[in-house]
Protein backbone atom coordinates (compact mmCIF):
# COMPACT_ATOMS: atom_id res chain seq x y z
CA MET A 1 51.05 47.21 29.74
CA LYS A 2 52.92 50.48 30.54
CA ARG A 3 56.22 48.80 29.96
CA ARG A 4 55.22 48.13 26.34
CA TRP A 5 54.21 51.61 25.77
CA ILE A 6 57.16 52.94 27.14
CA LEU A 7 59.11 50.93 24.59
CA CYS A 8 56.91 52.11 21.71
CA MET A 9 56.68 55.93 22.40
CA CYS A 10 56.63 57.94 19.44
CA GLY A 11 56.46 61.30 17.67
CA LEU A 12 53.41 63.01 15.87
CA VAL A 13 54.52 63.09 12.38
CA LEU A 14 52.80 59.92 11.24
CA LEU A 15 50.06 60.41 13.66
CA PHE A 16 48.99 63.49 11.74
CA ALA A 17 49.26 61.40 8.56
CA LEU A 18 46.86 58.79 10.14
CA ALA A 19 44.60 61.45 11.28
CA SER A 20 44.43 62.91 7.79
CA CYS A 21 43.10 59.53 6.52
CA ALA A 22 40.52 59.05 9.35
CA PRO A 23 36.91 60.40 8.73
CA PRO A 24 36.31 63.43 10.85
CA ALA A 25 32.91 62.81 12.63
CA TRP A 26 33.76 61.56 16.09
CA PRO A 27 31.57 62.86 18.95
CA ALA A 28 33.58 65.31 21.12
CA VAL A 29 33.88 64.77 25.09
CA SER A 30 36.06 66.63 27.32
CA GLY A 31 37.05 66.58 31.26
CA GLY A 32 37.75 63.93 33.66
CA THR A 33 40.52 61.52 34.26
CA GLU A 34 38.59 58.26 33.33
CA ALA A 35 37.36 57.70 29.64
CA PRO A 36 33.84 59.11 29.76
CA ALA A 37 31.02 57.15 28.29
CA PRO A 38 30.92 56.99 24.49
CA SER A 39 28.35 59.30 22.75
CA PRO A 40 26.51 58.39 19.64
CA ALA A 41 28.41 59.49 16.59
CA THR A 42 26.52 61.60 13.86
CA GLN A 43 28.55 59.90 11.18
CA ALA A 44 30.33 56.71 11.94
CA PRO A 45 34.08 56.54 10.96
CA ALA A 46 35.04 53.36 8.85
CA THR A 47 36.07 50.38 10.87
CA PRO A 48 36.92 46.73 9.97
CA ALA A 49 33.59 44.71 9.10
CA ALA A 50 32.76 42.51 12.11
CA THR A 51 32.14 38.78 11.37
CA PRO A 52 28.21 38.54 11.72
CA ALA A 53 26.85 36.39 14.68
CA ALA A 54 25.03 33.38 13.49
CA THR A 55 21.29 33.93 13.32
CA GLU A 56 20.63 31.46 16.22
CA ALA A 57 23.08 33.53 18.36
CA GLY A 58 20.45 35.46 19.81
CA TYR A 59 22.53 38.83 19.29
CA SER A 60 23.75 41.05 16.66
CA ILE A 61 27.02 43.01 16.61
CA GLY A 62 27.05 46.72 16.45
CA THR A 63 29.87 49.33 17.04
CA GLU A 64 30.33 51.86 19.78
CA TYR A 65 32.41 55.07 19.36
CA TYR A 66 34.35 57.16 21.97
CA ASP A 67 36.24 60.40 21.60
CA TYR A 68 38.11 62.38 24.23
CA ALA A 69 40.59 65.35 23.82
CA ASP A 70 41.74 68.02 26.11
CA ASP A 71 45.08 69.93 26.27
CA ARG A 72 47.08 66.56 26.87
CA PHE A 73 45.10 63.98 25.13
CA ASP A 74 43.49 63.21 21.80
CA MET A 75 41.82 59.80 22.28
CA LYS A 76 39.52 57.74 19.95
CA ALA A 77 38.16 54.35 19.96
CA SER A 78 35.60 52.09 18.14
CA TYR A 79 34.80 48.75 19.53
CA PRO A 80 32.01 46.14 19.03
CA LYS A 81 28.85 46.09 20.99
CA LEU A 82 26.53 43.18 21.11
CA GLU A 83 22.78 43.79 20.74
CA GLY A 84 20.42 41.50 22.61
CA ALA A 85 18.98 40.50 25.90
CA GLY A 86 21.40 40.02 28.93
CA LEU A 87 24.54 41.21 27.43
CA ASP A 88 25.37 44.16 29.66
CA ASP A 89 28.15 42.24 31.40
CA VAL A 90 29.72 41.04 28.12
CA ASN A 91 29.53 44.64 26.79
CA ALA A 92 31.15 46.07 29.87
CA LEU A 93 34.12 43.53 29.39
CA ILE A 94 34.52 44.76 25.76
CA LYS A 95 34.48 48.49 26.78
CA THR A 96 36.78 47.93 29.38
CA ALA A 97 39.29 45.99 27.05
CA ALA A 98 38.68 48.84 24.35
CA LEU A 99 39.47 51.64 26.53
CA GLU A 100 42.08 49.94 28.77
CA THR A 101 45.10 51.79 27.23
CA ILE A 102 43.09 55.09 27.01
CA ASN A 103 42.03 55.04 30.57
CA GLU A 104 45.61 54.10 31.78
CA TRP A 105 47.10 57.18 30.09
CA LEU A 106 44.15 59.61 31.07
CA ALA A 107 45.23 58.58 34.86
CA SER A 108 49.04 59.11 34.17
CA GLU A 109 50.93 62.38 35.53
CA ASP A 110 51.17 65.38 33.38
CA ASP A 111 54.68 65.43 32.09
CA GLY A 112 54.01 68.31 29.52
CA SER A 113 53.49 66.10 26.75
CA ARG A 114 50.56 65.46 24.56
CA THR A 115 49.53 61.93 23.72
CA THR A 116 47.27 60.33 20.76
CA ILE A 117 45.64 57.03 20.94
CA GLU A 118 43.40 55.55 18.33
CA THR A 119 41.96 52.13 19.10
CA THR A 120 39.96 49.92 16.64
CA GLY A 121 38.28 46.66 17.69
CA ALA A 122 36.93 44.03 15.43
CA VAL A 123 35.32 40.77 15.70
CA THR A 124 37.01 37.95 14.01
CA TYR A 125 34.74 35.15 15.37
CA SER A 126 31.31 34.84 16.87
CA ASP A 127 28.75 31.94 17.73
CA PRO A 128 26.07 31.66 20.40
CA GLY A 129 28.64 30.74 23.04
CA PHE A 130 31.89 32.72 22.10
CA ILE A 131 33.32 35.74 20.60
CA SER A 132 36.72 36.64 19.73
CA ILE A 133 37.76 40.29 19.35
CA THR A 134 40.92 42.25 18.20
CA PHE A 135 42.08 45.64 19.03
CA THR A 136 44.62 47.54 16.93
CA GLU A 137 45.99 50.69 18.53
CA TYR A 138 48.23 53.57 17.06
CA TYR A 139 50.03 55.54 19.75
CA GLY A 140 51.98 58.71 19.70
CA ASN A 141 53.55 61.09 22.25
CA THR A 142 55.21 64.48 21.55
CA MET A 143 58.26 63.49 23.48
CA ALA A 144 58.70 59.98 21.81
CA ALA A 145 61.11 59.34 18.81
CA HIS A 146 58.58 57.47 16.60
CA PRO A 147 54.93 56.32 16.32
CA SER A 148 54.02 52.66 17.42
CA SER A 149 51.06 50.22 16.96
CA VAL A 150 50.02 47.61 19.40
CA PHE A 151 47.76 44.69 18.87
CA ARG A 152 45.52 43.12 21.53
CA THR A 153 42.82 40.52 21.88
CA LEU A 154 39.91 39.62 23.89
CA ASN A 155 38.10 36.27 23.77
CA ILE A 156 34.84 35.95 25.73
CA ASP A 157 33.00 32.71 26.99
CA LEU A 158 29.39 34.07 26.39
CA GLU A 159 27.77 31.48 28.65
CA LYS A 160 29.89 32.37 31.59
CA LYS A 161 30.38 36.04 30.73
CA ALA A 162 33.70 35.93 31.25
CA ALA A 163 37.14 36.60 29.44
CA VAL A 164 39.09 33.55 28.55
CA PRO A 165 43.01 33.72 29.16
CA GLY A 166 44.95 32.93 26.44
CA GLY A 167 47.35 30.68 28.65
CA SER A 168 44.31 28.42 29.39
CA LEU A 169 43.80 27.57 25.64
CA LEU A 170 47.48 26.73 24.43
CA ALA A 171 50.45 24.98 25.81
CA ALA A 172 53.16 27.23 24.81
CA GLY A 173 56.59 25.61 24.25
CA ALA A 174 59.20 24.71 21.85
CA ASP A 175 56.93 22.99 19.41
CA LEU A 176 54.52 25.77 19.28
CA TYR A 177 57.25 28.15 18.41
CA ARG A 178 58.61 25.94 15.83
CA ALA A 179 55.15 25.72 14.12
CA LEU A 180 54.63 29.52 14.25
CA HIS A 181 58.13 30.07 12.51
CA ASP A 182 57.13 27.64 9.92
CA ALA A 183 53.91 29.72 9.46
CA ALA A 184 56.10 32.93 9.11
CA GLY A 185 57.92 31.30 6.19
CA ARG A 186 54.71 30.52 4.38
CA GLN A 187 52.55 33.53 5.36
CA LEU A 188 55.27 36.49 5.02
CA SER A 189 57.22 37.71 2.45
CA ALA A 190 60.73 36.00 1.96
CA ALA A 191 62.65 39.09 3.15
CA PHE A 192 60.26 39.55 6.07
CA ALA A 193 60.17 35.88 7.03
CA ASP A 194 64.35 36.06 7.23
CA GLU A 195 63.75 38.76 9.97
CA ILE A 196 61.40 36.55 12.24
CA THR A 197 63.76 34.01 13.72
CA LEU A 198 62.76 31.38 16.04
CA GLU A 199 64.05 33.49 18.79
CA THR A 200 61.92 36.26 17.63
CA ILE A 201 58.89 33.92 18.07
CA GLU A 202 59.95 32.78 21.41
CA THR A 203 60.60 36.15 22.99
CA GLY A 204 57.69 37.87 21.30
CA TYR A 205 55.09 35.19 22.07
CA ASP A 206 52.33 36.66 24.15
CA ALA A 207 49.64 34.09 25.64
CA ASN A 208 46.98 36.82 25.78
CA ALA A 209 47.36 37.90 22.24
CA ILE A 210 45.39 34.92 20.57
CA TYR A 211 42.41 35.10 18.60
CA PHE A 212 39.92 33.03 16.50
CA THR A 213 38.71 33.00 12.98
CA PRO A 214 36.20 30.31 11.46
CA ASP A 215 39.11 28.14 10.15
CA ARG A 216 42.39 28.93 12.14
CA VAL A 217 43.59 30.55 15.42
CA GLY A 218 45.76 33.79 15.19
CA PHE A 219 48.68 34.96 17.11
CA SER A 220 50.14 38.25 17.47
CA ILE A 221 54.05 38.22 17.96
CA TRP A 222 55.90 41.24 19.45
CA VAL A 223 58.66 42.26 17.32
CA SER A 224 61.02 45.39 17.06
CA HIS A 225 59.70 48.73 16.01
CA VAL A 226 61.52 48.56 12.84
CA LEU A 227 59.78 45.38 11.88
CA GLY A 228 56.38 47.00 12.66
CA ASP A 229 56.10 46.36 16.46
CA HIS A 230 53.99 43.33 15.94
CA VAL A 231 53.26 40.46 13.35
CA GLU A 232 50.15 38.24 13.16
CA LEU A 233 50.49 34.67 12.16
CA THR A 234 47.89 31.80 12.10
CA LEU A 235 47.76 28.18 12.35
CA PRO A 236 44.83 26.02 10.85
CA TYR A 237 42.99 24.35 13.62
CA ALA A 238 44.27 20.98 12.52
CA GLU A 239 47.94 22.22 12.90
CA ALA A 240 47.11 23.79 16.22
CA GLU A 241 45.59 20.78 17.72
CA PRO A 242 48.73 19.29 19.30
CA PHE A 243 49.01 22.68 21.51
CA MET A 244 45.26 22.62 22.39
CA THR A 245 44.51 22.36 25.98
CA SER A 246 41.32 20.53 27.38
CA SER A 247 39.49 23.96 27.37
CA PRO A 248 35.90 23.30 25.85
CA ILE A 249 36.43 26.46 23.92
CA TRP A 250 38.20 24.21 21.31
CA ASP A 251 35.08 21.87 20.65
CA ARG A 252 33.61 24.27 18.29
CA PHE A 253 36.72 24.25 16.35
CA LYS A 254 37.54 20.48 16.06
């Protein structure tokens, strides 16, 4: 993870613009080298709407908010929280994933710079046994040349209460890269698609940046900063089927 942040380090100019667009009411916390527990916000900032869990799922989806600031850091996060019985372990997984980058930087050595991170989590798919979550992060540092954004995902088997590695779900290889390259041609503007070569797909593919929606599987591909740091592409489940492993996670999508 640190490798990618070093490649993506950025200045504050755009971050100030981003901050001016965000709602002001975040709870304040200070001190410590590990992200303190989130505190209830008096007024929740706007976040992408989560996909409602099916009524038979036995849980609902809420949002948890986190804020931390001191002389070195300005850290904010919002992420899903499942409301229901026996979900403490699942919520712990979500919290750990949501605050992963924040905690990494809170534990870093003081180099005299100031770091700003804002993480937003959203549910893209949920059912009684499975949930898929994406995290979009905006990052800035006073010693960096430009701002950056990062896209991460978390998929959880709710019955096992365990994260599902992306590499266990899809067989990556030349055929999958070609399918994603074809998808880029259909889903991106012509000028942008021309920049996303087959080599871009192959080098930027991340097995653990896969997410799910009701009708398709999504992929976040790492690209250069000038292209936006990452690009999201999707394949309908019928098109993704040739690359699916035997994981039972796929049964709900076939």
